[in-house]
């Protein structure tokens, strides 16, 4: 029998442990307006705190049922949003945290694509469209043979044009990437390459097409390819 992910509920006792010290009664938080005002009744305060803890428990259990319902309907993003709401109220609630992690990791297993990047070419379309703030994972394998035909001084080589040459501040021969919006004028887009290396997880700053290249000077000669596994939040372009 497969054990349900949703075999957990929050009890009042567990909530007291998870959020100990968080519930503060209004009567404790308010400052008396005059010196003659009565001190709050400890018994009343305890009753109110118990009611607050009970209300939180009911609220969280309600969110658990909502999250289960969303997942049963296949609405993964809404499920994750609801789990995050639970963790906002009870940050140390491990069942919600663990289920959220499982859902976030699932996309990397379910949605994968592989592309080869030829070292002798410039920016190469990776064949996928990415979405702003949606995480993407890149895993790179392979090796290259490179011959440089460059003159350099003690400060090393640099190329002012990352679209054609070496990206400054990135190791020679490393894989780099950039996201471009095909709908925008290339002259209006600021090229901001990022280091991929052997593995990289990114959350793109904007929607667009992922491009990859090997970080080499324009006058170098190279042989070989990198194999790049793309996984996570992306859509394969038509024809790929």
Protein backbone atom coordinates (compact mmCIF):
# COMPACT_ATOMS: atom_id res chain seq x y z
CA UNK A 1 0.00 0.00 0.00
CA UNK A 2 1.35 3.43 -0.93
CA UNK A 3 1.50 5.74 2.01
CA UNK A 4 -0.23 9.03 1.44
CA UNK A 5 1.82 12.23 1.51
CA UNK A 6 -1.04 13.78 3.43
CA UNK A 7 -1.24 11.41 6.41
CA UNK A 8 -0.26 14.25 8.72
CA UNK A 9 -2.24 16.83 10.61
CA UNK A 10 -1.23 19.40 13.17
CA UNK A 11 -2.29 18.87 16.78
CA UNK A 12 -2.69 21.58 19.37
CA UNK A 13 0.17 20.13 21.40
CA UNK A 14 2.56 20.10 18.44
CA UNK A 15 1.63 23.67 17.53
CA UNK A 16 2.48 24.81 21.06
CA UNK A 17 5.94 23.27 20.64
CA UNK A 18 6.47 24.68 17.13
CA UNK A 19 5.44 28.23 17.91
CA UNK A 20 6.25 28.40 21.60
CA UNK A 21 6.41 31.95 22.72
CA UNK A 22 4.87 33.34 19.53
CA UNK A 23 1.31 33.77 20.79
CA UNK A 24 1.03 36.97 22.79
CA UNK A 25 -2.34 38.03 24.10
CA UNK A 26 -3.59 41.50 23.27
CA UNK A 27 -3.95 42.27 26.96
CA UNK A 28 -0.21 41.69 27.43
CA UNK A 29 0.78 43.75 24.39
CA UNK A 30 -1.26 46.86 25.24
CA UNK A 31 0.07 49.49 27.59
CA UNK A 32 -2.39 50.83 30.16
CA UNK A 33 -3.57 54.37 29.52
CA UNK A 34 -3.65 55.23 33.21
CA UNK A 35 -2.03 53.99 36.39
CA UNK A 36 -5.33 52.91 37.91
CA UNK A 37 -6.12 50.36 35.19
CA UNK A 38 -6.36 46.78 36.44
CA UNK A 39 -3.59 44.33 35.65
CA UNK A 40 -4.60 41.62 33.17
CA UNK A 41 -5.97 38.47 34.71
CA UNK A 42 -3.50 35.55 34.34
CA UNK A 43 -6.39 33.13 34.00
CA UNK A 44 -7.99 35.16 31.22
CA UNK A 45 -4.65 35.52 29.46
CA UNK A 46 -4.09 31.75 29.57
CA UNK A 47 -7.56 31.18 28.16
CA UNK A 48 -7.00 33.64 25.33
CA UNK A 49 -3.61 32.12 24.49
CA UNK A 50 -5.16 28.67 24.37
CA UNK A 51 -7.86 29.99 22.05
CA UNK A 52 -5.20 31.59 19.83
CA UNK A 53 -3.27 28.32 19.61
CA UNK A 54 -6.47 26.44 18.81
CA UNK A 55 -7.35 28.96 16.09
CA UNK A 56 -3.89 28.58 14.53
CA UNK A 57 -4.20 24.80 14.64
CA UNK A 58 -7.57 24.93 12.87
CA UNK A 59 -6.22 27.42 10.33
CA UNK A 60 -3.18 25.29 9.51
CA UNK A 61 -5.22 22.09 9.31
CA UNK A 62 -7.55 23.90 6.93
CA UNK A 63 -4.60 24.85 4.74
CA UNK A 64 -3.41 21.23 4.81
CA UNK A 65 -6.76 20.12 3.40
CA UNK A 66 -6.63 22.86 0.76
CA UNK A 67 -3.11 21.83 -0.26
CA UNK A 68 -4.19 18.19 -0.52
CA UNK A 69 -7.14 19.24 -2.67
CA UNK A 70 -4.95 21.27 -5.01
CA UNK A 71 -2.52 18.37 -5.40
CA UNK A 72 -5.35 15.92 -6.09
CA UNK A 73 -6.40 18.25 -8.93
CA UNK A 74 -2.88 18.32 -10.31
CA UNK A 75 -2.38 22.01 -9.44
CA UNK A 76 1.22 21.81 -8.32
CA UNK A 77 1.93 25.54 -8.17
CA UNK A 78 -1.13 26.21 -6.00
CA UNK A 79 -0.14 23.28 -3.78
CA UNK A 80 3.30 24.80 -3.27
CA UNK A 81 1.84 28.23 -2.56
CA UNK A 82 -0.44 26.76 0.11
CA UNK A 83 2.43 24.81 1.71
CA UNK A 84 4.42 28.04 1.84
CA UNK A 85 1.46 29.68 3.62
CA UNK A 86 1.54 26.89 6.21
CA UNK A 87 5.24 27.46 6.78
CA UNK A 88 4.65 31.19 7.20
CA UNK A 89 2.48 30.40 10.22
CA UNK A 90 4.49 27.41 11.49
CA UNK A 91 8.05 27.64 10.06
CA UNK A 92 9.24 24.41 11.74
CA UNK A 93 6.40 22.18 10.52
CA UNK A 94 8.55 19.48 8.88
CA UNK A 95 5.80 17.55 6.99
CA UNK A 96 4.89 20.68 5.03
CA UNK A 97 8.54 21.61 4.49
CA UNK A 98 9.43 18.10 3.27
CA UNK A 99 6.45 17.89 0.89
CA UNK A 100 7.29 21.31 -0.53
CA UNK A 101 10.86 20.18 -1.17
CA UNK A 102 9.62 17.00 -2.90
CA UNK A 103 7.36 19.00 -5.20
CA UNK A 104 10.10 21.49 -6.05
CA UNK A 105 12.56 18.69 -6.86
CA UNK A 106 10.04 16.74 -8.98
CA UNK A 107 10.20 19.26 -11.84
CA UNK A 108 13.91 18.50 -12.30
CA UNK A 109 13.15 14.82 -12.85
CA UNK A 110 10.05 15.24 -14.98
CA UNK A 111 11.21 17.96 -17.38
CA UNK A 112 14.67 17.43 -18.89
CA UNK A 113 16.34 18.21 -22.19
CA UNK A 114 19.87 17.71 -23.51
CA UNK A 115 21.81 19.99 -25.82
CA UNK A 116 25.38 19.99 -27.16
CA UNK A 117 27.48 23.15 -27.22
CA UNK A 118 30.26 23.24 -29.83
CA UNK A 119 33.31 25.07 -28.50
CA UNK A 120 34.13 26.45 -31.95
CA UNK A 121 30.83 28.34 -32.20
CA UNK A 122 29.52 31.46 -30.50
CA UNK A 123 26.29 31.81 -28.60
CA UNK A 124 24.20 28.70 -29.28
CA UNK A 125 20.42 28.49 -28.65
CA UNK A 126 19.81 25.79 -26.05
CA UNK A 127 16.43 25.02 -27.58
CA UNK A 128 14.40 26.05 -24.54
CA UNK A 129 12.39 29.04 -23.37
CA UNK A 130 12.71 29.95 -19.71
CA UNK A 131 10.44 31.88 -17.36
CA UNK A 132 11.33 34.73 -15.06
CA UNK A 133 12.03 33.63 -11.45
CA UNK A 134 11.33 29.96 -12.26
CA UNK A 135 14.39 27.83 -11.33
CA UNK A 136 16.39 25.97 -13.93
CA UNK A 137 19.22 23.47 -13.43
CA UNK A 138 22.13 22.93 -15.85
CA UNK A 139 24.52 19.96 -15.55
CA UNK A 140 27.49 19.95 -17.93
CA UNK A 141 29.84 17.13 -19.03
CA UNK A 142 32.64 16.86 -21.56
CA UNK A 143 36.13 18.19 -22.27
CA UNK A 144 37.76 20.41 -24.88
CA UNK A 145 41.09 20.86 -26.61
CA UNK A 146 41.94 24.54 -27.03
CA UNK A 147 44.75 26.36 -28.87
CA UNK A 148 45.10 30.06 -28.17
CA UNK A 149 46.33 32.54 -30.72
CA UNK A 150 46.37 35.62 -28.53
CA UNK A 151 48.92 38.16 -27.39
CA UNK A 152 48.76 38.98 -23.73
CA UNK A 153 50.57 41.00 -21.11
CA UNK A 154 50.95 40.59 -17.36
CA UNK A 155 47.34 41.63 -16.77
CA UNK A 156 45.98 38.81 -18.94
CA UNK A 157 43.48 38.87 -21.78
CA UNK A 158 40.20 40.67 -21.89
CA UNK A 159 37.48 41.15 -24.47
CA UNK A 160 35.15 44.14 -24.26
CA UNK A 161 32.47 42.39 -26.32
CA UNK A 162 30.95 39.38 -24.49
CA UNK A 163 28.74 38.64 -27.50
CA UNK A 164 31.76 37.63 -29.59
CA UNK A 165 34.74 37.05 -27.36
CA UNK A 166 35.72 36.04 -23.89
CA UNK A 167 33.53 37.01 -20.94
CA UNK A 168 35.58 38.93 -18.40
CA UNK A 169 35.77 37.50 -14.91
CA UNK A 170 34.91 33.96 -16.03
CA UNK A 171 37.47 31.11 -16.24
CA UNK A 172 38.85 30.31 -19.67
CA UNK A 173 36.98 27.40 -21.28
CA UNK A 174 34.05 27.50 -18.85
CA UNK A 175 30.47 27.26 -20.09
CA UNK A 176 28.52 30.50 -19.83
CA UNK A 177 24.89 31.32 -20.48
CA UNK A 178 22.59 34.24 -21.15
CA UNK A 179 18.82 34.71 -21.49
CA UNK A 180 17.58 36.86 -24.36
CA UNK A 181 14.08 37.97 -25.23
CA UNK A 182 13.56 37.32 -28.97
CA UNK A 183 10.75 39.87 -29.05
CA UNK A 184 13.00 42.75 -27.99
CA UNK A 185 15.44 44.71 -30.14
CA UNK A 186 18.94 43.21 -29.59
CA UNK A 187 20.37 46.73 -29.34
CA UNK A 188 18.06 47.44 -26.42
CA UNK A 189 19.00 44.31 -24.49
CA UNK A 190 21.79 44.36 -21.95
CA UNK A 191 23.86 41.20 -22.25
CA UNK A 192 24.50 39.78 -18.78
CA UNK A 193 26.30 36.43 -19.17
CA UNK A 194 26.48 34.14 -16.15
CA UNK A 195 28.88 31.34 -15.31
CA UNK A 196 27.42 27.85 -15.68
CA UNK A 197 30.51 25.74 -15.05
CA UNK A 198 29.92 22.04 -14.40
CA UNK A 199 26.59 22.66 -12.65
CA UNK A 200 24.37 25.67 -12.11
CA UNK A 201 20.91 26.39 -10.76
CA UNK A 202 19.47 29.74 -11.81
CA UNK A 203 16.24 31.71 -11.55
CA UNK A 204 16.19 33.85 -14.73
CA UNK A 205 15.67 37.58 -14.30
CA UNK A 206 13.44 37.69 -17.35
CA UNK A 207 11.52 35.50 -19.80
CA UNK A 208 13.43 34.51 -22.90
CA UNK A 209 15.51 31.98 -24.80
CA UNK A 210 18.53 30.38 -23.16
CA UNK A 211 21.82 30.71 -25.07
CA UNK A 212 25.07 28.93 -24.17
CA UNK A 213 28.71 29.25 -25.27
CA UNK A 214 32.20 28.28 -24.22
CA UNK A 215 34.16 31.16 -22.74
CA UNK A 216 37.05 31.48 -25.19
CA UNK A 217 38.74 34.41 -26.97
CA UNK A 218 37.53 35.07 -30.51
CA UNK A 219 40.88 34.10 -32.09
CA UNK A 220 41.21 30.73 -30.31
CA UNK A 221 40.94 27.35 -31.99
CA UNK A 222 39.00 24.65 -30.19
CA UNK A 223 37.80 21.11 -30.66
CA UNK A 224 35.13 19.30 -28.68
CA UNK A 225 31.66 19.77 -27.25
CA UNK A 226 29.97 20.09 -23.91
CA UNK A 227 26.85 18.05 -23.24
CA UNK A 228 24.37 20.05 -21.21
CA UNK A 229 21.38 18.56 -19.40
CA UNK A 230 18.73 21.21 -18.86
CA UNK A 231 16.04 20.44 -16.29
CA UNK A 232 13.37 22.31 -14.38
CA UNK A 233 11.05 25.09 -15.48
CA UNK A 234 11.36 25.47 -19.25
CA UNK A 235 9.45 24.86 -22.46
CA UNK A 236 11.12 23.19 -25.43
CA UNK A 237 11.08 25.32 -28.54
CA UNK A 238 9.18 24.06 -31.56
CA UNK A 239 11.28 21.70 -33.66
CA UNK A 240 13.56 20.65 -30.80
